[in-house]
Amino acid sequence: MSSNRSLPPLYTLPQLARRARISEGRARALHTAAAGSRLPAVDRTDADGRPLWEETTIDAWCRVSGRDLPAESDWLFHAPDATEPAPLLYHGAAARPAGRGRSGRPIHAIVWDTPHGHVIYVTWLHGVHRAPVPERDQAALVAAELIAPRFHADALIVLVPDLVYSRTATENVTVDLYRLRPAAAGVGAGNGEPTVDWRGQVAPTEVARVIGTPLPLWIANTCRREELDRARASLGTTLTVPDVLSAWPATLARLRAAHDTGLPTSHPAAYALLLTDAAGTLATVRQLHIALPTSGPGWYLAARPAAPNLPLDLETDLAFLSTQPAPDPAQLTADLVALRGVEPDLPADADEGDAYAHAVTLLAAALADHDPALAADTVTVVSGDLAGPVTDAWVDTFSRHPDAAQVLRTRRGRRLLGRMSPSRTELFTDPAGRLIALLDEGRDTRQFRAEWPLGLPVGWGERTVIAIDHDGSYGPALALTPAEGGLRVDPVPVSPDRIGTDLLYGYGGGGPLAFYAALRRVALAEHRSLDGHTHPPHGSDLFAAISATTGPLRLPWPQVERWARQDTARHLSS
């Protein structure tokens, strides 16, 4: 089979008028009516903001408003309303073997037999295959194989996209409409396979009225093979399925682990923050569950995540918390320091590990105003290439870790390596005790993954230079300071609001902006992110130096500090 990836034609207002067989003046009057446009909702606009409509949108509007339909319209719009549900020919999973352009991943399909042609419903099936979700037209091709070729010309394929689990998930739902062209009439003539054409989008009501039953809609990751038997047995009914979508399962797991490992007594301030955080998540997810409708015009929700539930012992803890004063800064500080010392060295699979890590995050946020230096005194993980003399100097400061195997079994080691294999890793520490893994991936340049500071550095001065290697690949941002006994090499701390963004230069994108924010934050000795002033002002010499430099980058630190202060003055005067 082959597919046609071209978009359906879009109609301007005059073209809509001709297709709907009304005058252009009448169409403009309907579109500009004082009470709001009486034409169908606009699908797109052109570069000048003028409205555009899909063919299926116009035809559906003509049908609903009682206007004559063009003879070439899909039979979906000409067919009368069904008086009873159409016969169900197939309901289950379907797939094509993996191959060129095919993922092999199954879909969920339903086939109805109407007097006008087959209607084939398609949506994604989750949790059954590691292959990526197939492209929409490939999913339509899978559906086409569920009926005999002699029925292809009259078949309609209705692809129903996954819904996002949110309060607005079911607002303005549309489904994609596909048609099949026999091979003799399509691009693939001679190969015995039909061509799939995307016709546009329609409301579920347009399909439901010709099959005599509402379409099932699925929230992403709820349509799973284990639910299909239940769905077949209860068409039209909303199933309750395990919640794998909201933040509540992870939140509850953390709270349960914290409770069961004694955190309420060992670190009461941390447990109080976990309880408060869980209460907020519980309230949010409960409201989402209540607000999510289970049916609407032409559709019903096939499955919804189970309502969140707080076990009685944890509910009792939450009730007790409401009678207690908020933890004071001394309690918060003590628990933050203690848990930062304990959590990294826990076994990688420790039940309480995620609870401790989340508690550390909450404690740091709670102390951000009281002790911003302590709050920021942590690390993230940065990866990159060892690309030249600057990184060579950095590597020269490393010491081989004496017990790499043990460290890599901890949460700290697991965070450092991510998905990298320990078997191809050498583990080191820098002079501050931070971990660095050097990875042998068989490339021309070696890669690293390193614990990278967020806290402000100490000891940068007039002889410090900010340096990045650039020799076909980018090295990390490092600060070089001459010191007794050799060169001191420090990582340039990342800004807390730019974690995960590489510090780059030589162009005007996100990497250079993250580099600018990092340098300016350190130059101004701000422990937190520079709220509202992370983008460079017009005429920034600092950003010009970052974005315009090609080849190796070298910025004297005193100059960076002067430029940072100039940018602050520009922000204040603007």
Protein backbone atom coordinates (compact mmCIF):
# COMPACT_ATOMS: atom_id res chain seq x y z
CA MET A 1 0.00 0.00 0.00
CA SER A 2 1.01 3.60 -0.46
CA SER A 3 -0.10 6.80 1.18
CA ASN A 4 -0.76 10.35 0.11
CA ARG A 5 0.80 12.73 2.63
CA SER A 6 -0.42 15.89 0.88
CA LEU A 7 -2.85 18.05 2.82
CA PRO A 8 -6.48 18.32 1.74
CA PRO A 9 -7.30 21.50 -0.20
CA LEU A 10 -8.11 24.60 1.82
CA TYR A 11 -10.92 26.90 0.73
CA THR A 12 -11.00 30.68 0.89
CA LEU A 13 -14.24 32.51 1.67
CA PRO A 14 -15.19 32.88 -2.04
CA GLN A 15 -14.37 29.21 -2.63
CA LEU A 16 -16.47 28.21 0.39
CA ALA A 17 -19.37 30.18 -1.09
CA ARG A 18 -19.09 28.33 -4.40
CA ARG A 19 -18.90 24.91 -2.74
CA ALA A 20 -21.84 25.71 -0.45
CA ARG A 21 -23.77 27.18 -3.42
CA ILE A 22 -24.36 30.56 -1.83
CA SER A 23 -23.31 33.98 -3.07
CA GLU A 24 -20.04 35.42 -1.95
CA GLY A 25 -21.88 38.38 -0.48
CA ARG A 26 -24.09 36.06 1.56
CA ALA A 27 -21.03 34.16 2.78
CA ARG A 28 -19.34 37.38 3.87
CA ALA A 29 -22.50 38.50 5.66
CA LEU A 30 -22.68 35.19 7.54
CA HIS A 31 -19.00 35.42 8.45
CA THR A 32 -19.21 38.98 9.77
CA ALA A 33 -22.60 38.71 11.53
CA ALA A 34 -22.85 40.92 14.61
CA ALA A 35 -23.67 37.93 16.83
CA GLY A 36 -20.59 36.08 15.57
CA SER A 37 -19.79 34.13 12.46
CA ARG A 38 -22.53 31.77 11.31
CA LEU A 39 -20.15 29.94 9.04
CA PRO A 40 -18.29 26.86 10.33
CA ALA A 41 -15.31 27.41 12.58
CA VAL A 42 -12.19 28.40 10.65
CA ASP A 43 -9.64 25.59 10.25
CA ARG A 44 -6.63 27.78 9.44
CA THR A 45 -5.67 31.26 8.30
CA ASP A 46 -3.31 32.32 5.55
CA ALA A 47 -0.26 34.57 5.96
CA ASP A 48 -2.50 37.65 5.89
CA GLY A 49 -4.91 36.31 8.50
CA ARG A 50 -7.68 35.45 6.04
CA PRO A 51 -9.86 32.44 6.95
CA LEU A 52 -9.45 29.04 5.34
CA TRP A 53 -11.67 25.96 5.61
CA GLU A 54 -11.18 22.28 4.91
CA GLU A 55 -13.51 20.59 2.45
CA THR A 56 -14.91 18.29 5.11
CA THR A 57 -15.69 21.27 7.36
CA ILE A 58 -17.70 22.94 4.60
CA ASP A 59 -19.56 19.76 3.68
CA ALA A 60 -20.47 19.01 7.30
CA TRP A 61 -21.78 22.57 7.67
CA CYS A 62 -23.86 22.22 4.51
CA ARG A 63 -25.40 19.02 5.81
CA VAL A 64 -26.22 20.42 9.24
CA SER A 65 -27.62 23.67 7.82
CA GLY A 66 -29.74 21.88 5.20
CA ARG A 67 -27.86 23.16 2.16
CA ASP A 68 -27.31 21.13 -0.98
CA LEU A 69 -24.08 19.14 -0.95
CA PRO A 70 -21.68 18.90 -3.88
CA ALA A 71 -22.08 15.61 -5.71
CA GLU A 72 -18.40 14.77 -5.09
CA SER A 73 -18.72 15.03 -1.30
CA ASP A 74 -17.91 11.91 0.70
CA TRP A 75 -20.89 9.66 1.29
CA LEU A 76 -20.51 10.38 5.00
CA PHE A 77 -22.27 13.71 4.44
CA HIS A 78 -24.97 12.44 2.06
CA ALA A 79 -25.99 9.41 4.12
CA PRO A 80 -29.12 9.64 6.27
CA ASP A 81 -28.94 9.12 10.01
CA ALA A 82 -28.81 5.47 11.01
CA THR A 83 -31.93 4.13 12.74
CA GLU A 84 -30.03 1.39 14.56
CA PRO A 85 -26.38 0.50 15.28
CA ALA A 86 -24.48 -0.76 12.26
CA PRO A 87 -23.31 -4.40 12.35
CA LEU A 88 -19.94 -4.80 14.04
CA LEU A 89 -17.52 -6.83 11.89
CA TYR A 90 -14.29 -6.48 13.87
CA HIS A 91 -13.17 -5.15 17.23
CA GLY A 92 -9.61 -5.70 18.45
CA ALA A 93 -5.93 -5.22 17.73
CA ALA A 94 -4.39 -5.19 14.25
CA ALA A 95 -0.85 -4.82 12.93
CA ARG A 96 1.33 -5.19 9.86
CA PRO A 97 4.73 -6.90 10.09
CA ALA A 98 7.58 -4.49 10.77
CA GLY A 99 9.41 -3.44 7.63
CA ARG A 100 10.44 -0.48 5.57
CA GLY A 101 8.35 2.48 6.75
CA ARG A 102 6.37 0.27 9.16
CA SER A 103 6.87 0.07 12.91
CA GLY A 104 5.03 -3.22 13.41
CA ARG A 105 3.22 -1.70 16.35
CA PRO A 106 -0.44 -2.77 16.72
CA ILE A 107 -3.39 -0.45 16.54
CA HIS A 108 -6.89 -0.73 17.99
CA ALA A 109 -9.50 -1.06 15.26
CA ILE A 110 -13.29 -1.39 14.95
CA VAL A 111 -15.07 -2.12 11.65
CA TRP A 112 -18.73 -1.28 11.12
CA ASP A 113 -20.71 -2.32 8.04
CA THR A 114 -23.09 0.43 6.91
CA PRO A 115 -25.34 0.39 3.80
CA HIS A 116 -22.98 2.96 2.21
CA GLY A 117 -19.61 1.39 2.97
CA HIS A 118 -17.42 0.17 5.77
CA VAL A 119 -16.41 2.56 8.55
CA ILE A 120 -13.06 1.59 10.08
CA TYR A 121 -12.18 3.15 13.43
CA VAL A 122 -8.47 3.38 14.32
CA THR A 123 -6.66 4.56 17.43
CA TRP A 124 -3.30 3.83 19.06
CA LEU A 125 -2.75 0.76 21.20
CA HIS A 126 -0.32 1.34 24.05
CA GLY A 127 1.79 -0.82 26.32
CA VAL A 128 2.26 -3.68 23.84
CA HIS A 129 5.26 -2.87 21.67
CA ARG A 130 8.51 -0.95 22.05
CA ALA A 131 8.33 0.31 18.47
CA PRO A 132 7.28 3.95 18.00
CA VAL A 133 3.65 4.83 17.40
CA PRO A 134 3.05 4.52 13.64
CA GLU A 135 2.42 7.59 11.54
CA ARG A 136 -1.24 8.33 11.01
CA ASP A 137 -1.27 7.29 7.37
CA GLN A 138 0.53 4.04 8.26
CA ALA A 139 -2.12 3.33 10.89
CA ALA A 140 -4.75 3.90 8.19
CA LEU A 141 -2.96 1.39 5.96
CA VAL A 142 -3.12 -1.21 8.73
CA ALA A 143 -6.86 -0.57 9.00
CA ALA A 144 -7.35 -1.02 5.25
CA GLU A 145 -6.18 -4.62 5.50
CA LEU A 146 -9.14 -5.49 7.73
CA ILE A 147 -11.56 -5.49 4.77
CA ALA A 148 -11.47 -7.12 1.36
CA PRO A 149 -10.03 -5.00 -1.48
CA ARG A 150 -13.39 -4.93 -3.29
CA PHE A 151 -14.74 -2.80 -0.41
CA HIS A 152 -11.89 -0.27 -0.41
CA ALA A 153 -13.49 2.29 -2.73
CA ASP A 154 -16.45 2.90 -0.41
CA ALA A 155 -14.65 2.57 2.92
CA LEU A 156 -14.09 5.42 5.34
CA ILE A 157 -11.20 5.22 7.79
CA VAL A 158 -11.68 7.28 10.94
CA LEU A 159 -8.50 7.84 12.91
CA VAL A 160 -9.19 8.98 16.47
CA PRO A 161 -6.22 10.73 18.12
CA ASP A 162 -5.23 10.17 21.72
CA LEU A 163 -6.61 12.68 24.19
CA VAL A 164 -4.41 14.45 26.71
CA TYR A 165 -5.44 13.83 30.33
CA SER A 166 -6.60 17.34 31.20
CA ARG A 167 -9.76 19.29 31.99
CA THR A 168 -10.01 20.39 28.37
CA ALA A 169 -9.27 16.94 26.88
CA THR A 170 -12.68 16.56 25.28
CA GLU A 171 -13.21 20.13 24.09
CA ASN A 172 -13.51 20.57 20.31
CA VAL A 173 -12.66 16.95 19.56
CA THR A 174 -12.19 16.09 15.90
CA VAL A 175 -11.28 12.86 14.12
CA ASP A 176 -9.26 12.39 10.93
CA LEU A 177 -11.06 11.10 7.87
CA TYR A 178 -9.27 8.93 5.27
CA ARG A 179 -10.42 7.37 2.00
CA LEU A 180 -8.94 4.51 0.00
CA ARG A 181 -8.32 4.70 -3.74
CA PRO A 182 -7.97 1.41 -5.61
CA ALA A 183 -4.52 0.91 -7.08
CA ALA A 184 -5.66 1.36 -10.67
CA ALA A 185 -6.72 4.92 -9.89
CA GLY A 186 -3.84 5.86 -7.58
CA VAL A 187 -0.16 6.60 -7.61
CA GLY A 188 0.59 2.96 -6.87
CA ALA A 189 -1.13 1.61 -10.00
CA GLY A 190 0.13 -1.80 -10.95
CA ASN A 191 1.24 -2.97 -7.52
CA GLY A 192 -2.19 -4.19 -6.42
CA GLU A 193 -2.33 -1.90 -3.40
CA PRO A 194 -4.64 1.02 -2.66
CA THR A 195 -3.61 4.55 -1.83
CA VAL A 196 -4.65 6.26 1.41
CA ASP A 197 -5.85 9.85 1.10
CA TRP A 198 -6.39 12.12 4.08
CA ARG A 199 -9.66 13.95 3.53
CA GLY A 200 -9.64 16.26 6.54
CA GLN A 201 -11.17 16.41 10.01
CA VAL A 202 -14.77 16.05 11.16
CA ALA A 203 -16.62 16.12 14.46
CA PRO A 204 -17.41 12.71 16.01
CA THR A 205 -21.12 13.38 15.45
CA GLU A 206 -20.64 13.10 11.68
CA VAL A 207 -19.42 9.52 12.04
CA ALA A 208 -21.64 8.51 14.95
CA ARG A 209 -24.85 9.36 13.10
CA VAL A 210 -24.08 6.95 10.20
CA ILE A 211 -22.96 4.03 12.39
CA GLY A 212 -25.76 4.55 14.89
CA THR A 213 -23.50 4.55 17.93
CA PRO A 214 -21.06 7.00 19.55
CA LEU A 215 -17.31 6.74 18.89
CA PRO A 216 -15.07 5.64 21.78
CA LEU A 217 -12.37 8.16 22.68
CA TRP A 218 -9.27 7.11 24.61
CA ILE A 219 -6.99 9.17 26.78
CA ALA A 220 -3.35 8.56 25.85
CA ASN A 221 -1.90 5.38 27.40
CA THR A 222 -5.28 4.02 28.52
CA CYS A 223 -5.99 1.99 25.36
CA ARG A 224 -4.06 -1.18 26.21
CA ARG A 225 -4.41 -4.78 25.08
CA GLU A 226 -5.50 -5.90 28.53
CA GLU A 227 -8.44 -3.49 28.32
CA LEU A 228 -9.67 -4.51 24.87
CA ASP A 229 -11.65 -7.56 26.05
CA ARG A 230 -13.41 -5.38 28.62
CA ALA A 231 -14.01 -2.70 25.99
CA ARG A 232 -15.54 -5.22 23.57
CA ALA A 233 -17.88 -6.47 26.26
CA SER A 234 -18.99 -3.00 27.31
CA LEU A 235 -19.26 -0.80 24.21
CA GLY A 236 -20.68 2.54 25.24
CA THR A 237 -19.47 2.20 28.84
CA THR A 238 -16.56 4.08 30.40
CA LEU A 239 -14.08 1.69 31.97
CA THR A 240 -12.02 2.50 35.03
CA VAL A 241 -8.33 1.73 34.46
CA PRO A 242 -5.21 2.14 36.61
CA ASP A 243 -3.90 5.71 36.68
CA VAL A 244 -0.63 5.80 34.74
CA LEU A 245 -1.04 9.41 33.64
CA SER A 246 -1.35 11.82 36.53
CA ALA A 247 1.24 12.80 39.11
CA TRP A 248 -0.68 11.04 41.86
CA PRO A 249 0.73 7.47 41.66
CA ALA A 250 4.33 8.71 41.94
CA THR A 251 3.35 11.16 44.68
CA LEU A 252 1.60 8.46 46.69
CA ALA A 253 4.53 6.05 46.23
CA ARG A 254 6.94 8.67 47.59
CA LEU A 255 4.71 9.44 50.55
CA ARG A 256 4.21 5.76 51.37
CA ALA A 257 7.97 5.07 51.19
CA ALA A 258 8.75 8.09 53.36
CA HIS A 259 6.18 7.01 55.96
CA ASP A 260 7.29 3.39 56.03
CA THR A 261 11.00 4.21 56.38
CA GLY A 262 10.47 6.43 59.42
CA LEU A 263 10.80 9.89 57.89
CA PRO A 264 8.02 11.34 60.12
CA THR A 265 10.25 10.88 63.18
CA SER A 266 13.76 11.08 61.68
CA HIS A 267 13.13 14.18 59.52
CA PRO A 268 9.76 15.68 60.48
CA ALA A 269 10.20 18.91 58.54
CA ALA A 270 10.90 16.98 55.33
CA TYR A 271 7.88 14.73 55.92
CA ALA A 272 5.67 17.74 56.57
CA LEU A 273 6.64 19.20 53.19
CA LEU A 274 6.01 15.87 51.46
CA LEU A 275 2.56 15.71 53.07
CA THR A 276 1.71 19.25 52.02
CA ASP A 277 2.93 18.62 48.50
CA ALA A 278 0.90 15.39 48.31
CA ALA A 279 -2.22 17.16 49.54
CA GLY A 280 -1.91 19.71 46.74
CA THR A 281 -1.40 17.01 44.10
CA LEU A 282 -4.33 15.01 45.49
CA ALA A 283 -6.65 18.01 45.28
CA THR A 284 -5.55 18.81 41.72
CA VAL A 285 -5.99 15.25 40.44
CA ARG A 286 -9.33 14.86 42.19
CA GLN A 287 -10.60 18.00 40.49
CA LEU A 288 -9.31 16.74 37.15
CA HIS A 289 -11.08 13.42 37.67
CA ILE A 290 -14.35 15.12 38.59
CA ALA A 291 -14.20 17.65 35.75
CA LEU A 292 -13.48 15.15 32.97
CA PRO A 293 -16.73 14.37 31.11
CA THR A 294 -17.38 10.79 30.07
CA SER A 295 -19.58 11.51 27.04
CA GLY A 296 -20.44 14.21 24.55
CA PRO A 297 -21.97 14.72 21.09
CA GLY A 298 -21.15 11.60 19.08
CA TRP A 299 -18.60 10.18 21.53
CA TYR A 300 -18.04 8.55 24.88
CA LEU A 301 -14.89 8.15 26.93
CA ALA A 302 -13.78 4.52 26.66
CA ALA A 303 -11.67 4.57 29.83
CA ARG A 304 -10.71 6.97 32.56
CA PRO A 305 -7.98 6.69 35.19
CA ALA A 306 -9.09 5.60 38.62
CA ALA A 307 -9.86 8.33 41.12
CA PRO A 308 -6.96 9.15 43.46
CA ASN A 309 -7.13 7.69 46.92
CA LEU A 310 -5.18 8.47 50.11
CA PRO A 311 -4.80 5.48 52.47
CA LEU A 312 -6.18 5.97 55.94
CA ASP A 313 -2.86 6.03 57.78
CA LEU A 314 -1.51 8.76 55.47
CA GLU A 315 -4.80 10.63 55.69
CA THR A 316 -4.38 10.57 59.47
CA ASP A 317 -0.87 12.00 59.12
CA LEU A 318 -2.25 14.80 56.95
CA ALA A 319 -4.97 15.58 59.47
CA PHE A 320 -2.38 15.73 62.26
CA LEU A 321 -0.19 18.03 60.17
CA SER A 322 -3.02 20.56 59.96
CA THR A 323 -2.79 21.04 63.75
CA GLN A 324 0.95 21.67 63.77
CA PRO A 325 2.91 24.87 63.18
CA ALA A 326 4.90 25.13 59.96
CA PRO A 327 8.51 23.93 60.24
CA ASP A 328 10.88 26.75 61.12
CA PRO A 329 14.03 27.53 59.09
CA ALA A 330 16.27 25.72 61.55
CA GLN A 331 14.27 22.49 61.15
CA LEU A 332 14.21 22.86 57.37
CA THR A 333 17.96 23.50 57.26
CA ALA A 334 18.77 20.51 59.47
CA ASP A 335 16.68 18.14 57.36
CA LEU A 336 18.02 19.52 54.07
CA VAL A 337 21.63 19.09 55.12
CA ALA A 338 20.95 15.61 56.50
CA LEU A 339 19.02 14.30 53.49
CA ARG A 340 21.50 15.76 51.02
CA GLY A 341 24.10 13.70 52.81
CA VAL A 342 22.04 10.49 52.88
CA GLU A 343 20.06 10.34 49.61
CA PRO A 344 22.93 10.15 47.08
CA ASP A 345 24.49 7.11 48.77
CA LEU A 346 21.32 5.06 49.00
CA PRO A 347 21.21 1.94 46.79
CA ALA A 348 19.95 2.83 43.33
CA ASP A 349 16.76 0.81 43.86
CA ALA A 350 16.05 1.95 47.45
CA ASP A 351 12.31 2.29 48.03
CA GLU A 352 12.76 5.59 49.85
CA GLY A 353 15.16 7.09 47.30
CA ASP A 354 12.64 9.10 45.27
CA ALA A 355 10.93 10.30 48.46
CA TYR A 356 14.22 11.58 49.86
CA ALA A 357 15.16 13.26 46.56
CA HIS A 358 11.80 14.99 46.30
CA ALA A 359 12.02 16.07 49.93
CA VAL A 360 15.40 17.66 49.19
CA THR A 361 13.84 19.60 46.30
CA LEU A 362 10.98 20.81 48.51
CA LEU A 363 13.31 21.74 51.38
CA ALA A 364 15.58 23.74 49.08
CA ALA A 365 12.59 25.61 47.64
CA ALA A 366 11.31 26.37 51.15
CA LEU A 367 14.71 27.81 52.12
CA ALA A 368 15.26 29.80 48.93
CA ASP A 369 14.47 33.12 50.63
CA HIS A 370 15.95 32.35 54.05
CA ASP A 371 19.24 30.83 52.87
CA PRO A 372 19.59 31.06 49.08
CA ALA A 373 23.22 29.94 49.16
CA LEU A 374 22.30 26.67 50.89
CA ALA A 375 19.31 26.14 48.62
CA ALA A 376 21.51 26.45 45.53
CA ASP A 377 24.38 24.36 46.91
CA THR A 378 23.68 21.29 44.82
CA VAL A 379 24.59 19.67 41.52
CA THR A 380 22.96 18.56 38.30
CA VAL A 381 24.43 16.25 35.64
CA VAL A 382 25.99 17.67 32.48
CA SER A 383 27.32 15.71 29.52
CA GLY A 384 29.56 16.71 26.65
CA ASP A 385 32.78 16.14 24.74
CA LEU A 386 36.42 16.39 25.76
CA ALA A 387 37.30 18.58 22.83
CA GLY A 388 40.65 20.30 23.30
CA PRO A 389 43.23 21.92 25.57
CA VAL A 390 40.74 23.38 28.05
CA THR A 391 39.15 20.01 28.76
CA ASP A 392 42.62 18.44 28.81
CA ALA A 393 43.51 20.82 31.63
CA TRP A 394 40.27 19.91 33.40
CA VAL A 395 40.96 16.18 33.11
CA ASP A 396 44.44 16.75 34.57
CA THR A 397 42.78 17.81 37.84
CA PHE A 398 40.85 14.52 38.17
CA SER A 399 41.61 11.71 40.59
CA ARG A 400 40.55 8.15 39.82
CA HIS A 401 37.77 7.01 42.15
CA PRO A 402 38.97 4.22 44.44
CA ASP A 403 35.67 2.27 44.48
CA ALA A 404 33.85 2.97 41.23
CA ALA A 405 31.80 -0.25 41.30
CA GLN A 406 30.29 0.61 44.68
CA VAL A 407 29.46 4.22 43.73
CA LEU A 408 27.80 3.20 40.49
CA ARG A 409 25.38 1.03 42.48
CA THR A 410 24.09 4.08 44.35
CA ARG A 411 21.47 6.65 43.37
CA ARG A 412 24.28 9.15 42.85
CA GLY A 413 26.02 6.81 40.44
CA ARG A 414 22.80 5.96 38.63
CA ARG A 415 22.04 9.66 38.13
CA LEU A 416 25.54 10.26 36.83
CA LEU A 417 25.48 7.50 34.23
CA GLY A 418 21.86 7.84 33.13
CA ARG A 419 21.47 5.20 30.42
CA MET A 420 25.19 4.75 29.84
CA SER A 421 26.73 1.35 30.48
CA PRO A 422 29.05 1.09 33.53
CA SER A 423 31.23 -1.37 31.58
CA ARG A 424 32.44 1.42 29.27
CA THR A 425 33.00 3.95 32.04
CA GLU A 426 35.96 5.26 34.00
CA LEU A 427 35.02 7.09 37.19
CA PHE A 428 36.90 10.08 38.62
CA THR A 429 36.44 12.92 41.10
CA ASP A 430 37.39 16.56 40.70
CA PRO A 431 39.13 18.57 43.46
CA ALA A 432 35.72 19.45 44.96
CA GLY A 433 34.72 15.78 45.21
CA ARG A 434 32.24 15.87 42.33
CA LEU A 435 31.96 12.73 40.20
CA ILE A 436 32.97 12.59 36.53
CA ALA A 437 32.48 9.60 34.27
CA LEU A 438 34.57 9.34 31.12
CA LEU A 439 32.83 7.24 28.51
CA ASP A 440 34.38 5.21 25.72
CA GLU A 441 31.84 5.20 22.90
CA GLY A 442 34.29 4.51 20.11
CA ARG A 443 34.17 8.08 18.83
CA ASP A 444 36.98 10.44 17.85
CA THR A 445 36.34 12.52 20.98
CA ARG A 446 35.67 11.08 24.41
CA GLN A 447 32.43 11.91 26.15
CA PHE A 448 31.90 12.75 29.78
CA ARG A 449 29.04 12.93 32.24
CA ALA A 450 29.78 15.07 35.28
CA GLU A 451 28.18 16.36 38.44
CA TRP A 452 27.92 20.08 37.74
CA PRO A 453 27.45 22.80 40.35
CA LEU A 454 24.54 25.21 40.66
CA GLY A 455 26.02 27.07 43.63
CA LEU A 456 28.24 30.08 43.14
CA PRO A 457 32.01 29.56 42.86
CA VAL A 458 34.64 30.92 45.23
CA GLY A 459 38.03 32.30 44.23
CA TRP A 460 37.46 33.62 40.72
CA GLY A 461 39.44 36.82 40.26
CA GLU A 462 41.14 39.19 37.86
CA ARG A 463 43.21 36.41 36.26
CA THR A 464 40.26 34.04 35.72
CA VAL A 465 39.27 33.31 32.13
CA ILE A 466 36.03 31.66 30.98
CA ALA A 467 36.96 29.14 28.31
CA ILE A 468 35.30 26.63 25.98
CA ASP A 469 37.06 24.40 23.47
CA HIS A 470 35.64 24.26 19.97
CA ASP A 471 37.32 21.93 17.56
CA GLY A 472 34.49 20.35 15.57
CA SER A 473 32.54 19.76 18.80
CA TYR A 474 31.79 21.79 21.90
CA GLY A 475 33.47 21.23 25.23
CA PRO A 476 32.04 22.33 28.60
CA ALA A 477 32.19 25.89 29.93
CA LEU A 478 35.09 26.09 32.39
CA ALA A 479 36.82 28.82 34.40
CA LEU A 480 40.63 28.81 34.34
CA THR A 481 42.46 30.48 37.22
CA PRO A 482 46.26 30.40 37.71
CA ALA A 483 47.03 29.05 41.16
CA GLU A 484 50.02 27.91 43.18
CA GLY A 485 51.03 24.52 41.87
CA GLY A 486 49.18 24.72 38.56
CA LEU A 487 45.97 25.77 36.86
CA ARG A 488 42.72 25.70 38.76
CA VAL A 489 39.79 24.57 36.57
CA ASP A 490 36.20 25.11 37.75
CA PRO A 491 32.91 24.31 36.01
CA VAL A 492 30.82 27.39 35.20
CA PRO A 493 27.69 26.86 37.34
CA VAL A 494 24.46 26.48 35.41
CA SER A 495 21.48 28.67 36.21
CA PRO A 496 18.75 26.75 38.09
CA ASP A 497 16.16 27.71 35.48
CA ARG A 498 18.32 26.41 32.60
CA ILE A 499 19.09 22.90 33.84
CA GLY A 500 19.29 20.57 30.86
CA THR A 501 20.35 23.26 28.37
CA ASP A 502 23.92 23.09 27.12
CA LEU A 503 26.05 26.22 27.55
CA LEU A 504 26.98 27.01 23.94
CA TYR A 505 28.11 29.97 21.88
CA GLY A 506 28.63 31.17 18.32
CA TYR A 507 24.97 31.76 17.39
CA GLY A 508 21.86 33.35 18.83
CA GLY A 509 19.85 30.37 20.10
CA GLY A 510 18.92 28.70 23.37
CA GLY A 511 22.40 27.40 24.22
CA PRO A 512 24.02 30.86 24.08
CA LEU A 513 21.10 32.32 26.04
CA ALA A 514 21.65 29.69 28.74
CA PHE A 515 25.38 30.53 28.75
CA TYR A 516 24.57 34.23 29.07
CA ALA A 517 22.18 33.59 31.98
CA ALA A 518 24.78 31.42 33.74
CA LEU A 519 27.60 33.96 33.41
CA ARG A 520 25.50 36.93 34.38
CA ARG A 521 24.06 35.17 37.44
CA VAL A 522 27.55 34.29 38.71
CA ALA A 523 28.95 37.73 37.88
CA LEU A 524 26.16 39.38 39.90
CA ALA A 525 26.58 36.83 42.74
CA GLU A 526 22.91 35.84 42.54
CA HIS A 527 22.24 32.43 44.07
CA ARG A 528 18.88 32.16 42.35
CA SER A 529 17.94 32.60 38.71
CA LEU A 530 17.71 36.17 37.47
CA ASP A 531 13.94 36.33 37.33
CA GLY A 532 12.73 38.57 34.52
CA HIS A 533 16.26 39.52 33.39
CA THR A 534 17.56 36.30 31.88
CA HIS A 535 17.46 37.65 28.32
CA PRO A 536 20.11 40.14 27.24
CA PRO A 537 19.06 43.75 26.73
CA HIS A 538 19.54 45.46 23.40
CA GLY A 539 23.21 46.25 22.88
CA SER A 540 24.53 43.68 25.37
CA ASP A 541 28.28 43.35 24.91
CA LEU A 542 28.27 40.12 26.91
CA PHE A 543 25.75 38.42 24.65
CA ALA A 544 27.49 39.81 21.56
CA ALA A 545 30.74 38.18 22.71
CA ILE A 546 28.94 34.88 23.33
CA SER A 547 26.87 34.77 20.14
CA ALA A 548 29.46 36.16 17.69
CA THR A 549 32.57 34.23 18.75
CA THR A 550 33.74 31.46 16.44
CA GLY A 551 36.53 29.05 17.28
CA PRO A 552 37.73 28.64 20.88
CA LEU A 553 36.08 31.01 23.36
CA ARG A 554 38.12 32.94 25.94
CA LEU A 555 36.45 35.64 28.09
CA PRO A 556 38.38 37.43 30.87
CA TRP A 557 36.29 37.23 34.02
CA PRO A 558 36.69 40.91 35.03
CA GLN A 559 35.33 41.87 31.60
CA VAL A 560 32.37 39.52 32.04
CA GLU A 561 31.60 41.15 35.39
CA ARG A 562 31.67 44.65 33.84
CA TRP A 563 29.42 43.59 30.99
CA ALA A 564 26.99 41.95 33.42
CA ARG A 565 26.73 45.15 35.46
CA GLN A 566 26.18 47.16 32.27
CA ASP A 567 23.30 44.87 31.32
CA THR A 568 21.76 45.32 34.75
CA ALA A 569 21.89 49.08 34.26
CA ARG A 570 20.27 48.71 30.83
CA HIS A 571 17.47 46.61 32.30
CA LEU A 572 16.85 49.16 35.05
CA SER A 573 16.74 52.06 32.60
CA SER A 574 14.46 50.36 30.08
